[in-house]
Every structure is written in C-alpha cells, then in structure tokens.
Amino acid sequence: MHATLEPQLLLRSIHHTLSPEQHMTPVETHRPLSIGELSERSGVSPSALHFYERNGLIHAERTAGNQRRYRRDTLRRVAFIKTSQRVGLPLKDILEALNSLPEGRTPTRHDWAKLSLRWRKELDERIAALQHLRNDLDGCIGCGCLSLKSCTLQNPSDELGASGAGAQRWSQLVKPEPS
C-alpha cells in the first residue's frame, strides 16, 4: 500500500511568516480597504476611524452604495496618528503636521524624523512638568485649601495667601453678588 503525496500549496510555517499582502494578487494589493478591514489591520475601532475622518486626519472615498473605502496608505497614516497620540500630542497638532505635508501625502520615515524634531522641545517640557508634579505629589495632602505655604502644586510661593485666609479659589467662585 503506497500513499500518494500531494503537494501542499500553503504550508503552515510559511503561512505564518508571510504578511497578508504577500498572499494577495497584485490587483488585491491596490484594492481599497473597507472600514472593517482598516479597523482590523490598524487596531483602531471603526468609531475612532470615523472620528479621524470627521476631523480631517484621514480621508475615504465613497462607493456607489455610499460605503467608505480607504486607500491602503491610510494604514500608515493611522499608524502615524496612533504613534503621535501615544507620545502625548493633541489631535490639533497631528492634523497640522499632516496638513503640512505636500499634497496631503502619507508621512514617510523622513517626514516623521522632521516632525518629531519639531515636537521634541514641547515633549521635553511636558516630561519635565510631569516629573515635577510626580516629585511634589508626596507633599500634597489634597486638602483643597490652596493657601498653604508648602503647597507647591496648586499655590507655589503661597501666592493666594496674600489674598487672605482659607480657600481663596473657592471663595472667588462663590463670591456673593454686590447688593
């Protein structure tokens, strides 16, 4: 009894090392992505992608049936947005950076290097402020009086102490109206 061997077209070990694009035909690699495909590939929820689109961060074409279709380079654009957010940049700054690129193109590695240099000073200042906050947090008792001489978080140098005793900011919020 001889077993017949048939060639396997897709071995398991090869399948796991190839990206989805390597399994696609040339026509499929240029096919636009649906919102579900973009969401699955990017790890960003469809609602977040809709938000990005409403705010001009990404763009979609519409099919005859009014379904969104995204160019494949939108994956890189979404990765750029996610990375920028991860380092603490507000969407306003991300949009400004994307709009600064020629013809609204998707950022390249060179673009990222150029933009990240621009953001470095702001990020360094933010890091220093967070380190200061972390270091001073132990001394804060969180009482809310805001006039302690030692409160370096809410009332550095006891600036509010010159206004009188007690919770000065609270008093300013609830001042009685003049009669």
N, C-alpha and C. Protein backbone atom coordinates (compact mmCIF):
# COMPACT_ATOMS: atom_id res chain seq x y z
N MET A 1 0.83 -1.16 0.00
CA MET A 1 0.00 0.00 0.00
C MET A 1 0.89 1.25 0.00
N HIS A 2 0.85 1.97 -1.08
CA HIS A 2 1.65 3.18 -1.21
C HIS A 2 0.75 4.40 -1.04
N ALA A 3 1.17 5.32 -0.20
CA ALA A 3 0.42 6.57 -0.02
C ALA A 3 0.81 7.54 -1.13
N THR A 4 -0.14 8.24 -1.62
CA THR A 4 0.12 9.23 -2.63
C THR A 4 0.34 10.57 -1.95
N LEU A 5 1.44 11.19 -2.26
CA LEU A 5 1.72 12.51 -1.69
C LEU A 5 1.28 13.58 -2.67
N GLU A 6 0.56 14.51 -2.16
CA GLU A 6 0.15 15.64 -2.98
C GLU A 6 0.81 16.90 -2.43
N PRO A 7 1.27 17.77 -3.31
CA PRO A 7 1.94 18.98 -2.83
C PRO A 7 0.98 19.88 -2.07
N GLN A 8 1.50 20.45 -1.02
CA GLN A 8 0.72 21.43 -0.26
C GLN A 8 1.06 22.81 -0.80
N LEU A 9 0.04 23.54 -1.13
CA LEU A 9 0.27 24.86 -1.70
C LEU A 9 0.66 25.89 -0.65
N LEU A 10 0.17 25.72 0.55
CA LEU A 10 0.42 26.72 1.58
C LEU A 10 0.78 25.99 2.87
N LEU A 11 2.06 25.86 3.14
CA LEU A 11 2.50 25.20 4.36
C LEU A 11 2.24 26.12 5.54
N ARG A 12 1.90 25.51 6.66
CA ARG A 12 1.57 26.27 7.86
C ARG A 12 2.71 27.20 8.26
N SER A 13 3.94 26.74 8.29
CA SER A 13 5.05 27.58 8.74
C SER A 13 5.26 28.77 7.79
N ILE A 14 5.04 28.56 6.51
CA ILE A 14 5.18 29.67 5.57
C ILE A 14 4.03 30.64 5.75
N HIS A 15 2.84 30.11 5.93
CA HIS A 15 1.65 30.94 6.08
C HIS A 15 1.80 31.94 7.22
N HIS A 16 2.42 31.52 8.31
CA HIS A 16 2.53 32.41 9.46
C HIS A 16 3.66 33.42 9.33
N THR A 17 4.55 33.24 8.38
CA THR A 17 5.64 34.20 8.24
C THR A 17 5.38 35.22 7.15
N LEU A 18 4.39 34.97 6.31
CA LEU A 18 4.09 35.91 5.24
C LEU A 18 3.01 36.89 5.66
N SER A 19 3.16 38.11 5.23
CA SER A 19 2.14 39.11 5.52
C SER A 19 0.95 38.89 4.59
N PRO A 20 -0.22 39.44 4.93
CA PRO A 20 -1.39 39.29 4.06
C PRO A 20 -1.14 39.78 2.64
N GLU A 21 -0.33 40.85 2.47
CA GLU A 21 -0.05 41.36 1.13
C GLU A 21 0.70 40.35 0.29
N GLN A 22 1.54 39.51 0.94
CA GLN A 22 2.31 38.53 0.20
C GLN A 22 1.43 37.40 -0.34
N HIS A 23 0.23 37.23 0.20
CA HIS A 23 -0.70 36.22 -0.26
C HIS A 23 -1.68 36.79 -1.28
N MET A 24 -1.66 38.09 -1.48
CA MET A 24 -2.62 38.73 -2.37
C MET A 24 -2.09 38.83 -3.79
N THR A 25 -2.99 38.86 -4.69
CA THR A 25 -2.62 39.09 -6.09
C THR A 25 -2.31 40.57 -6.24
N PRO A 26 -1.59 40.96 -7.30
CA PRO A 26 -1.29 42.39 -7.50
C PRO A 26 -2.54 43.27 -7.51
N VAL A 27 -3.65 42.76 -8.03
CA VAL A 27 -4.88 43.56 -8.05
C VAL A 27 -5.38 43.79 -6.64
N GLU A 28 -5.28 42.77 -5.76
CA GLU A 28 -5.78 42.90 -4.39
C GLU A 28 -4.93 43.87 -3.57
N THR A 29 -3.62 43.99 -3.85
CA THR A 29 -2.78 44.88 -3.06
C THR A 29 -3.11 46.35 -3.30
N HIS A 30 -3.79 46.66 -4.39
CA HIS A 30 -4.19 48.04 -4.67
C HIS A 30 -5.66 48.28 -4.39
N ARG A 31 -6.37 47.24 -3.99
CA ARG A 31 -7.79 47.35 -3.70
C ARG A 31 -7.98 48.19 -2.43
N PRO A 32 -8.88 49.16 -2.47
CA PRO A 32 -9.13 49.96 -1.27
C PRO A 32 -9.67 49.08 -0.13
N LEU A 33 -9.49 49.57 1.09
CA LEU A 33 -9.93 48.85 2.28
C LEU A 33 -11.29 49.34 2.75
N SER A 34 -12.12 48.42 3.18
CA SER A 34 -13.37 48.82 3.84
C SER A 34 -13.02 49.30 5.23
N ILE A 35 -13.97 49.90 5.91
CA ILE A 35 -13.70 50.38 7.27
C ILE A 35 -13.40 49.22 8.21
N GLY A 36 -14.06 48.08 8.00
CA GLY A 36 -13.78 46.91 8.83
C GLY A 36 -12.37 46.39 8.62
N GLU A 37 -11.93 46.37 7.37
CA GLU A 37 -10.57 45.91 7.07
C GLU A 37 -9.55 46.88 7.64
N LEU A 38 -9.79 48.17 7.49
CA LEU A 38 -8.87 49.17 8.03
C LEU A 38 -8.82 49.06 9.55
N SER A 39 -9.96 48.87 10.17
CA SER A 39 -10.02 48.73 11.62
C SER A 39 -9.25 47.50 12.08
N GLU A 40 -9.47 46.38 11.41
CA GLU A 40 -8.79 45.14 11.79
C GLU A 40 -7.28 45.25 11.61
N ARG A 41 -6.85 45.82 10.50
CA ARG A 41 -5.43 45.92 10.21
C ARG A 41 -4.72 46.95 11.09
N SER A 42 -5.41 48.04 11.43
CA SER A 42 -4.77 49.12 12.19
C SER A 42 -4.93 48.96 13.69
N GLY A 43 -5.91 48.18 14.12
CA GLY A 43 -6.17 48.06 15.56
C GLY A 43 -6.94 49.24 16.12
N VAL A 44 -7.55 50.02 15.26
CA VAL A 44 -8.32 51.20 15.67
C VAL A 44 -9.79 50.92 15.39
N SER A 45 -10.64 51.23 16.34
CA SER A 45 -12.07 50.93 16.19
C SER A 45 -12.68 51.73 15.04
N PRO A 46 -13.74 51.19 14.43
CA PRO A 46 -14.41 51.95 13.36
C PRO A 46 -14.90 53.32 13.83
N SER A 47 -15.37 53.42 15.06
CA SER A 47 -15.84 54.72 15.54
C SER A 47 -14.69 55.73 15.62
N ALA A 48 -13.50 55.27 16.01
CA ALA A 48 -12.34 56.16 16.05
C ALA A 48 -11.93 56.57 14.62
N LEU A 49 -12.03 55.63 13.68
CA LEU A 49 -11.72 55.96 12.28
C LEU A 49 -12.71 56.99 11.74
N HIS A 50 -13.99 56.84 12.10
CA HIS A 50 -14.99 57.84 11.71
C HIS A 50 -14.63 59.20 12.30
N PHE A 51 -14.21 59.21 13.56
CA PHE A 51 -13.80 60.44 14.23
C PHE A 51 -12.61 61.07 13.50
N TYR A 52 -11.60 60.26 13.17
CA TYR A 52 -10.44 60.77 12.43
C TYR A 52 -10.88 61.37 11.10
N GLU A 53 -11.82 60.71 10.44
CA GLU A 53 -12.29 61.21 9.14
C GLU A 53 -13.04 62.52 9.30
N ARG A 54 -13.93 62.61 10.29
CA ARG A 54 -14.70 63.85 10.53
C ARG A 54 -13.76 65.02 10.81
N ASN A 55 -12.61 64.72 11.43
CA ASN A 55 -11.68 65.78 11.81
C ASN A 55 -10.56 65.98 10.79
N GLY A 56 -10.68 65.36 9.63
CA GLY A 56 -9.75 65.61 8.54
C GLY A 56 -8.41 64.90 8.64
N LEU A 57 -8.26 63.94 9.56
CA LEU A 57 -6.99 63.23 9.70
C LEU A 57 -6.81 62.14 8.64
N ILE A 58 -7.91 61.51 8.24
CA ILE A 58 -7.88 60.53 7.17
C ILE A 58 -9.03 60.83 6.21
N HIS A 59 -8.96 60.25 5.02
CA HIS A 59 -9.98 60.51 4.01
C HIS A 59 -10.45 59.20 3.40
N ALA A 60 -11.72 59.14 3.04
CA ALA A 60 -12.28 57.95 2.40
C ALA A 60 -13.01 58.37 1.14
N GLU A 61 -13.01 57.46 0.21
CA GLU A 61 -13.84 57.60 -0.99
C GLU A 61 -15.14 56.87 -0.69
N ARG A 62 -16.18 57.19 -1.42
CA ARG A 62 -17.47 56.51 -1.23
C ARG A 62 -17.79 55.68 -2.47
N THR A 63 -18.34 54.48 -2.21
CA THR A 63 -18.77 53.63 -3.32
C THR A 63 -20.14 54.10 -3.78
N ALA A 64 -20.64 53.48 -4.83
CA ALA A 64 -21.98 53.80 -5.33
C ALA A 64 -23.02 53.52 -4.25
N GLY A 65 -22.74 52.56 -3.38
CA GLY A 65 -23.64 52.23 -2.27
C GLY A 65 -23.35 53.04 -1.02
N ASN A 66 -22.54 54.11 -1.13
CA ASN A 66 -22.20 55.04 -0.05
C ASN A 66 -21.36 54.39 1.07
N GLN A 67 -20.62 53.34 0.74
CA GLN A 67 -19.73 52.72 1.72
C GLN A 67 -18.36 53.37 1.63
N ARG A 68 -17.71 53.50 2.77
CA ARG A 68 -16.38 54.10 2.80
C ARG A 68 -15.36 53.10 2.25
N ARG A 69 -14.40 53.63 1.50
CA ARG A 69 -13.26 52.86 1.02
C ARG A 69 -12.03 53.72 1.22
N TYR A 70 -11.01 53.11 1.86
CA TYR A 70 -9.79 53.82 2.20
C TYR A 70 -8.63 53.30 1.35
N ARG A 71 -7.81 54.22 0.88
CA ARG A 71 -6.59 53.81 0.18
C ARG A 71 -5.72 53.05 1.17
N ARG A 72 -4.91 52.14 0.66
CA ARG A 72 -4.09 51.30 1.53
C ARG A 72 -3.06 52.11 2.31
N ASP A 73 -2.62 53.25 1.77
CA ASP A 73 -1.65 54.06 2.51
C ASP A 73 -2.27 54.72 3.74
N THR A 74 -3.59 54.60 3.90
CA THR A 74 -4.25 55.11 5.11
C THR A 74 -3.78 54.33 6.33
N LEU A 75 -3.35 53.08 6.14
CA LEU A 75 -2.80 52.30 7.26
C LEU A 75 -1.60 53.01 7.88
N ARG A 76 -0.70 53.52 7.03
CA ARG A 76 0.47 54.24 7.54
C ARG A 76 0.04 55.55 8.22
N ARG A 77 -0.94 56.20 7.65
CA ARG A 77 -1.44 57.46 8.21
C ARG A 77 -2.03 57.21 9.60
N VAL A 78 -2.81 56.13 9.74
CA VAL A 78 -3.40 55.79 11.05
C VAL A 78 -2.29 55.42 12.04
N ALA A 79 -1.27 54.70 11.59
CA ALA A 79 -0.14 54.36 12.46
C ALA A 79 0.56 55.64 12.93
N PHE A 80 0.71 56.60 12.03
CA PHE A 80 1.31 57.89 12.38
C PHE A 80 0.48 58.59 13.46
N ILE A 81 -0.84 58.58 13.27
CA ILE A 81 -1.74 59.22 14.24
C ILE A 81 -1.64 58.55 15.60
N LYS A 82 -1.69 57.22 15.61
CA LYS A 82 -1.61 56.46 16.87
C LYS A 82 -0.29 56.72 17.59
N THR A 83 0.81 56.70 16.85
CA THR A 83 2.12 56.93 17.45
C THR A 83 2.21 58.35 18.01
N SER A 84 1.72 59.30 17.26
CA SER A 84 1.74 60.70 17.71
C SER A 84 0.91 60.87 18.98
N GLN A 85 -0.25 60.22 19.03
CA GLN A 85 -1.09 60.29 20.22
C GLN A 85 -0.39 59.62 21.40
N ARG A 86 0.28 58.51 21.13
CA ARG A 86 0.94 57.77 22.19
C ARG A 86 2.01 58.60 22.88
N VAL A 87 2.66 59.51 22.15
CA VAL A 87 3.67 60.37 22.77
C VAL A 87 3.05 61.63 23.36
N GLY A 88 1.72 61.72 23.32
CA GLY A 88 1.04 62.81 24.01
C GLY A 88 0.67 64.01 23.17
N LEU A 89 0.76 63.90 21.86
CA LEU A 89 0.42 65.04 21.01
C LEU A 89 -1.09 65.15 20.84
N PRO A 90 -1.61 66.35 20.94
CA PRO A 90 -3.05 66.54 20.70
C PRO A 90 -3.37 66.41 19.21
N LEU A 91 -4.60 66.00 18.92
CA LEU A 91 -5.01 65.81 17.53
C LEU A 91 -4.84 67.07 16.70
N LYS A 92 -4.99 68.23 17.30
CA LYS A 92 -4.81 69.50 16.59
C LYS A 92 -3.39 69.59 16.01
N ASP A 93 -2.39 69.20 16.79
CA ASP A 93 -1.01 69.23 16.32
C ASP A 93 -0.75 68.16 15.27
N ILE A 94 -1.38 67.00 15.44
CA ILE A 94 -1.22 65.91 14.47
C ILE A 94 -1.81 66.33 13.13
N LEU A 95 -3.00 66.93 13.16
CA LEU A 95 -3.63 67.40 11.93
C LEU A 95 -2.78 68.47 11.26
N GLU A 96 -2.25 69.38 12.04
CA GLU A 96 -1.39 70.43 11.49
C GLU A 96 -0.17 69.81 10.81
N ALA A 97 0.41 68.79 11.42
CA ALA A 97 1.57 68.11 10.83
C ALA A 97 1.19 67.41 9.53
N LEU A 98 0.07 66.71 9.53
CA LEU A 98 -0.36 66.02 8.32
C LEU A 98 -0.68 67.01 7.21
N ASN A 99 -1.28 68.13 7.56
CA ASN A 99 -1.61 69.14 6.56
C ASN A 99 -0.37 69.86 6.01
N SER A 100 0.74 69.78 6.75
CA SER A 100 1.97 70.43 6.29
C SER A 100 2.69 69.60 5.22
N LEU A 101 2.27 68.36 5.04
CA LEU A 101 2.91 67.51 4.04
C LEU A 101 2.43 67.88 2.64
N PRO A 102 3.30 67.79 1.65
CA PRO A 102 2.89 68.14 0.29
C PRO A 102 1.74 67.27 -0.20
N GLU A 103 0.74 67.90 -0.78
CA GLU A 103 -0.40 67.23 -1.38
C GLU A 103 -1.09 66.24 -0.45
N GLY A 104 -1.01 66.49 0.87
CA GLY A 104 -1.68 65.62 1.83
C GLY A 104 -1.20 64.19 1.82
N ARG A 105 0.05 63.98 1.42
CA ARG A 105 0.55 62.61 1.32
C ARG A 105 0.71 61.96 2.69
N THR A 106 0.84 60.67 2.67
CA THR A 106 1.06 59.90 3.89
C THR A 106 2.49 60.12 4.35
N PRO A 107 2.71 60.30 5.66
CA PRO A 107 4.06 60.58 6.16
C PRO A 107 5.05 59.44 5.87
N THR A 108 6.24 59.84 5.50
CA THR A 108 7.33 58.88 5.28
C THR A 108 8.20 58.87 6.54
N ARG A 109 9.18 58.00 6.55
CA ARG A 109 10.13 57.95 7.67
C ARG A 109 10.84 59.31 7.82
N HIS A 110 11.21 59.90 6.68
CA HIS A 110 11.87 61.22 6.70
C HIS A 110 10.93 62.28 7.30
N ASP A 111 9.65 62.23 6.92
CA ASP A 111 8.68 63.18 7.47
C ASP A 111 8.59 63.05 8.98
N TRP A 112 8.53 61.79 9.45
CA TRP A 112 8.43 61.56 10.90
C TRP A 112 9.64 62.15 11.61
N ALA A 113 10.84 61.93 11.07
CA ALA A 113 12.05 62.45 11.69
C ALA A 113 12.00 63.98 11.77
N LYS A 114 11.57 64.61 10.70
CA LYS A 114 11.48 66.07 10.65
C LYS A 114 10.45 66.60 11.65
N LEU A 115 9.27 65.97 11.66
CA LEU A 115 8.20 66.42 12.55
C LEU A 115 8.55 66.16 14.01
N SER A 116 9.17 65.02 14.29
CA SER A 116 9.49 64.70 15.68
C SER A 116 10.52 65.66 16.26
N LEU A 117 11.41 66.17 15.41
CA LEU A 117 12.35 67.19 15.89
C LEU A 117 11.60 68.45 16.31
N ARG A 118 10.58 68.79 15.55
CA ARG A 118 9.77 69.97 15.85
C ARG A 118 9.03 69.80 17.19
N TRP A 119 8.63 68.58 17.48
CA TRP A 119 7.85 68.31 18.70
C TRP A 119 8.73 68.04 19.92
N ARG A 120 10.01 67.80 19.72
CA ARG A 120 10.89 67.37 20.81
C ARG A 120 10.91 68.36 21.99
N LYS A 121 11.02 69.66 21.71
CA LYS A 121 11.10 70.65 22.79
C LYS A 121 9.81 70.63 23.62
N GLU A 122 8.67 70.60 22.95
CA GLU A 122 7.39 70.56 23.65
C GLU A 122 7.28 69.30 24.51
N LEU A 123 7.70 68.17 23.98
CA LEU A 123 7.64 66.92 24.74
C LEU A 123 8.59 66.95 25.92
N ASP A 124 9.79 67.52 25.74
CA ASP A 124 10.74 67.64 26.86
C ASP A 124 10.16 68.51 27.97
N GLU A 125 9.48 69.61 27.60
CA GLU A 125 8.85 70.48 28.61
C GLU A 125 7.74 69.74 29.34
N ARG A 126 6.96 68.96 28.60
CA ARG A 126 5.88 68.19 29.22
C ARG A 126 6.42 67.15 30.18
N ILE A 127 7.50 66.49 29.77
CA ILE A 127 8.14 65.47 30.63
C ILE A 127 8.65 66.12 31.91
N ALA A 128 9.30 67.27 31.79
CA ALA A 128 9.83 67.98 32.97
C ALA A 128 8.69 68.37 33.90
N ALA A 129 7.57 68.86 33.35
CA ALA A 129 6.42 69.24 34.18
C ALA A 129 5.84 68.02 34.90
N LEU A 130 5.74 66.90 34.20
CA LEU A 130 5.21 65.68 34.83
C LEU A 130 6.16 65.16 35.90
N GLN A 131 7.47 65.25 35.68
CA GLN A 131 8.42 64.83 36.71
C GLN A 131 8.31 65.73 37.94
N HIS A 132 8.16 67.02 37.72
CA HIS A 132 7.98 67.97 38.82
C HIS A 132 6.72 67.62 39.61
N LEU A 133 5.63 67.39 38.90
CA LEU A 133 4.37 67.02 39.54
C LEU A 133 4.54 65.74 40.35
N ARG A 134 5.17 64.72 39.76
CA ARG A 134 5.38 63.46 40.46
C ARG A 134 6.20 63.66 41.71
N ASN A 135 7.27 64.46 41.63
CA ASN A 135 8.15 64.67 42.77
C ASN A 135 7.47 65.47 43.89
N ASP A 136 6.57 66.38 43.52
CA ASP A 136 5.89 67.21 44.53
C ASP A 136 4.62 66.56 45.06
N LEU A 137 4.15 65.52 44.43
CA LEU A 137 2.89 64.90 44.81
C LEU A 137 2.92 64.35 46.23
N ASP A 138 4.07 63.87 46.69
CA ASP A 138 4.16 63.31 48.04
C ASP A 138 3.85 64.35 49.10
N GLY A 139 4.20 65.61 48.84
CA GLY A 139 3.98 66.66 49.83
C GLY A 139 2.57 67.21 49.82
N CYS A 140 1.78 66.88 48.83
CA CYS A 140 0.42 67.41 48.73
C CYS A 140 -0.52 66.57 49.58
N ILE A 141 -1.28 67.22 50.44
CA ILE A 141 -2.24 66.48 51.25
C ILE A 141 -3.63 66.54 50.65
N GLY A 142 -3.76 67.24 49.55
CA GLY A 142 -5.02 67.25 48.83
C GLY A 142 -6.19 67.85 49.60
N CYS A 143 -5.91 68.81 50.47
CA CYS A 143 -6.99 69.35 51.31
C CYS A 143 -7.85 70.37 50.57
N GLY A 144 -7.31 70.97 49.53
CA GLY A 144 -8.09 71.92 48.77
C GLY A 144 -8.07 73.34 49.30
N CYS A 145 -7.33 73.60 50.37
CA CYS A 145 -7.34 74.97 50.91
C CYS A 145 -6.59 75.94 50.01
N LEU A 146 -5.63 75.47 49.32
CA LEU A 146 -4.88 76.24 48.32
C LEU A 146 -4.19 77.48 48.86
N SER A 147 -4.03 77.57 50.18
CA SER A 147 -3.28 78.71 50.70
C SER A 147 -2.16 78.28 51.63
N LEU A 148 -1.87 77.00 51.65
CA LEU A 148 -0.74 76.53 52.45
C LEU A 148 0.56 77.04 51.85
N LYS A 149 1.46 77.48 52.70
CA LYS A 149 2.75 77.96 52.20
C LYS A 149 3.54 76.83 51.56
N SER A 150 3.28 75.60 51.97
CA SER A 150 4.07 74.48 51.45
C SER A 150 3.44 73.82 50.23
N CYS A 151 2.30 74.28 49.75
CA CYS A 151 1.64 73.63 48.62
C CYS A 151 2.28 74.11 47.32
N THR A 152 3.16 73.26 46.78
CA THR A 152 3.87 73.65 45.55
C THR A 152 3.10 73.27 44.31
N LEU A 153 2.03 72.52 44.46
CA LEU A 153 1.26 72.11 43.29
C LEU A 153 0.25 73.17 42.87
N GLN A 154 -0.61 73.58 43.78
CA GLN A 154 -1.69 74.50 43.43
C GLN A 154 -1.40 75.95 43.80
N ASN A 155 -0.46 76.15 44.72
CA ASN A 155 -0.23 77.51 45.19
C ASN A 155 1.27 77.74 45.44
N PRO A 156 2.06 77.72 44.36
CA PRO A 156 3.50 77.91 44.57
C PRO A 156 3.78 79.28 45.19
N SER A 157 4.73 79.31 46.13
CA SER A 157 5.14 80.54 46.82
C SER A 157 4.00 81.19 47.59
N ASP A 158 2.96 80.44 47.92
CA ASP A 158 1.82 80.92 48.68
C ASP A 158 1.25 82.22 48.12
N GLU A 159 1.11 82.27 46.78
CA GLU A 159 0.59 83.45 46.11
C GLU A 159 -0.82 83.78 46.58
N LEU A 160 -1.63 82.76 46.86
CA LEU A 160 -3.01 83.01 47.28
C LEU A 160 -3.10 83.44 48.74
N GLY A 161 -2.04 83.20 49.52
CA GLY A 161 -2.05 83.59 50.92
C GLY A 161 -2.16 85.10 51.10
N ALA A 162 -1.67 85.86 50.13
CA ALA A 162 -1.75 87.32 50.19
C ALA A 162 -3.19 87.81 50.06
N SER A 163 -4.07 86.94 49.54
CA SER A 163 -5.48 87.32 49.37
C SER A 163 -6.31 87.08 50.62
N GLY A 164 -5.72 86.46 51.61
CA GLY A 164 -6.46 86.18 52.85
C GLY A 164 -6.41 84.71 53.20
N ALA A 165 -7.04 84.38 54.33
CA ALA A 165 -7.03 83.01 54.82
C ALA A 165 -8.09 82.18 54.11
N GLY A 166 -7.91 80.86 54.14
CA GLY A 166 -8.92 79.95 53.62
C GLY A 166 -8.73 79.63 52.15
N ALA A 167 -9.72 78.97 51.62
CA ALA A 167 -9.67 78.50 50.23
C ALA A 167 -10.00 79.67 49.30
N GLN A 168 -8.99 80.37 48.86
CA GLN A 168 -9.18 81.58 48.07
C GLN A 168 -9.84 81.32 46.71
N ARG A 169 -9.44 80.25 46.04
CA ARG A 169 -10.05 79.98 44.74
C ARG A 169 -11.52 79.62 44.91
N TRP A 170 -11.85 78.89 45.93
CA TRP A 170 -13.26 78.55 46.18
C TRP A 170 -14.04 79.82 46.50
N SER A 171 -13.45 80.69 47.31
CA SER A 171 -14.12 81.95 47.67
C SER A 171 -14.38 82.80 46.43
N GLN A 172 -13.44 82.80 45.47
CA GLN A 172 -13.62 83.57 44.26
C GLN A 172 -14.78 83.04 43.41
N LEU A 173 -14.99 81.72 43.47
CA LEU A 173 -16.04 81.12 42.68
C LEU A 173 -17.43 81.40 43.25
N VAL A 174 -17.52 81.52 44.58
CA VAL A 174 -18.83 81.67 45.21
C VAL A 174 -19.01 83.01 45.89
N LYS A 175 -18.35 84.05 45.38
CA LYS A 175 -18.49 85.40 45.98
C LYS A 175 -19.94 85.84 45.87
N PRO A 176 -20.47 86.40 46.94
CA PRO A 176 -21.83 86.91 46.85
C PRO A 176 -21.88 88.13 45.93
N GLU A 177 -22.96 88.26 45.22
CA GLU A 177 -23.11 89.39 44.31
C GLU A 177 -23.33 90.65 45.13
N PRO A 178 -22.77 91.79 44.68
CA PRO A 178 -22.98 93.04 45.42
C PRO A 178 -24.45 93.44 45.42
N SER A 179 -24.91 93.97 46.58
CA SER A 179 -26.31 94.36 46.70
C SER A 179 -26.53 95.76 46.24
